[in-house]
Amino acid sequence: MYAVIENGGKQYKVEKGMVIEIDRMGGKPGDSVELDKVLMLVDGEKISIGKPYLANTRVSAEFLGEIKAKKVIAFKKKKRKDYKKKIGHRQKYDQVLIKNIIGG
């Protein structure tokens, strides 16, 4: 059994026991999180597709902590103008463990 959920404008294929990185939602490690924007649910041969979301279907997860992605460097330069600018950015994500997929 797996589900396709939406979070932060992105779609994730999740199964029970998976650890995924989603956009920051806040919380403390050990907190319970309910993800209710389920787009599709596949249970063996039975496939349910939402329009746009499935009613009475949600994914329960546990908040594990916050992590950072690799650093992205942006370098700006204008030739012959003595202008150089180097900017670095590290995106923060929440790491969640998928506990259960509750479908109806």
Protein backbone atom coordinates (compact mmCIF):
# COMPACT_ATOMS: atom_id res chain seq x y z
CA MET A 1 0.00 0.00 0.00
CA TYR A 2 1.29 3.45 -0.90
CA ALA A 3 -0.07 6.96 -1.25
CA VAL A 4 0.83 10.12 -3.14
CA ILE A 5 0.60 13.19 -0.92
CA GLU A 6 1.05 16.91 -1.52
CA ASN A 7 3.03 19.16 0.78
CA GLY A 8 4.42 22.59 -0.01
CA GLY A 9 3.49 22.37 -3.69
CA LYS A 10 5.44 19.13 -4.14
CA GLN A 11 4.19 15.56 -4.45
CA TYR A 12 5.67 12.61 -2.56
CA LYS A 13 5.08 8.87 -2.95
CA VAL A 14 5.01 7.46 0.58
CA GLU A 15 4.80 4.02 2.14
CA LYS A 16 4.63 2.91 5.77
CA GLY A 17 8.05 3.12 7.42
CA MET A 18 9.55 5.64 4.96
CA VAL A 19 11.50 8.69 6.08
CA ILE A 20 10.91 11.74 3.85
CA GLU A 21 12.09 15.35 3.83
CA ILE A 22 9.27 17.88 3.49
CA ASP A 23 9.06 21.66 3.71
CA ARG A 24 9.25 23.09 7.21
CA MET A 25 6.10 22.77 9.29
CA GLY A 26 7.55 23.38 12.74
CA GLY A 27 7.31 21.09 15.72
CA LYS A 28 9.43 19.14 18.14
CA PRO A 29 10.98 15.70 17.64
CA GLY A 30 8.43 13.03 18.55
CA ASP A 31 5.39 15.16 17.64
CA SER A 32 2.62 13.58 15.57
CA VAL A 33 1.83 15.08 12.16
CA GLU A 34 -1.29 14.47 10.04
CA LEU A 35 -0.90 14.95 6.28
CA ASP A 36 -4.41 15.13 4.83
CA LYS A 37 -3.73 16.22 1.24
CA VAL A 38 -3.74 12.72 -0.26
CA LEU A 39 -3.93 12.73 -4.07
CA MET A 40 -3.88 8.98 -4.73
CA LEU A 41 -4.07 5.76 -2.74
CA VAL A 42 -3.01 2.35 -4.08
CA ASP A 43 -3.93 -0.75 -2.07
CA GLY A 44 -2.96 -3.83 -4.07
CA GLU A 45 -5.20 -3.83 -7.15
CA LYS A 46 -7.50 -1.08 -5.82
CA ILE A 47 -6.57 2.45 -6.94
CA SER A 48 -8.32 5.57 -5.60
CA ILE A 49 -7.70 8.94 -7.23
CA GLY A 50 -8.88 12.21 -5.64
CA LYS A 51 -10.43 15.23 -7.32
CA PRO A 52 -8.16 16.92 -6.19
CA TYR A 53 -7.88 15.21 -2.77
CA LEU A 54 -9.31 12.02 -1.31
CA ALA A 55 -11.91 12.50 1.43
CA ASN A 56 -11.45 10.64 4.74
CA THR A 57 -7.89 9.67 3.81
CA ARG A 58 -4.81 10.86 5.66
CA VAL A 59 -1.24 9.90 6.41
CA SER A 60 -0.03 9.91 10.00
CA ALA A 61 3.64 10.67 10.52
CA GLU A 62 6.10 11.39 13.30
CA PHE A 63 8.30 14.47 13.26
CA LEU A 64 11.96 13.39 13.56
CA GLY A 65 13.77 16.71 13.35
CA GLU A 66 15.05 19.49 11.13
CA ILE A 67 17.84 19.05 8.58
CA LYS A 68 19.62 21.27 6.09
CA ALA A 69 20.22 20.59 2.41
CA LYS A 70 23.56 21.09 0.69
CA LYS A 71 24.73 24.67 0.28
CA VAL A 72 23.81 26.38 -2.98
CA ILE A 73 26.17 29.10 -4.17
CA ALA A 74 24.97 32.05 -6.27
CA PHE A 75 27.70 34.18 -7.82
CA LYS A 76 26.93 37.49 -9.52
CA LYS A 77 29.43 39.44 -11.60
CA LYS A 78 29.38 42.40 -13.96
CA LYS A 79 32.36 42.55 -16.27
CA ARG A 80 34.49 45.69 -16.30
CA LYS A 81 32.47 47.19 -13.42
CA ASP A 82 34.43 45.68 -10.49
CA TYR A 83 31.23 44.10 -9.16
CA LYS A 84 31.28 40.62 -7.64
CA LYS A 85 28.86 39.12 -5.14
CA LYS A 86 28.88 35.61 -3.69
CA ILE A 87 25.77 34.40 -1.85
CA GLY A 88 25.27 31.03 -0.15
CA HIS A 89 21.99 29.43 0.94
CA ARG A 90 21.05 26.21 2.77
CA GLN A 91 17.40 25.19 2.61
CA LYS A 92 15.92 23.76 5.82
CA TYR A 93 13.65 20.71 5.73
CA ASP A 94 11.67 18.68 8.25
CA GLN A 95 12.34 14.96 8.39
CA VAL A 96 9.24 12.84 9.07
CA LEU A 97 8.68 9.10 9.51
CA ILE A 98 5.52 7.74 7.87
CA LYS A 99 3.69 5.75 10.56
CA ASN A 100 0.43 4.75 8.89
CA ILE A 101 -1.78 5.39 5.86
CA ILE A 102 -5.41 5.69 6.92
CA GLY A 103 -7.67 5.30 3.87
CA GLY A 104 -11.40 5.29 3.41
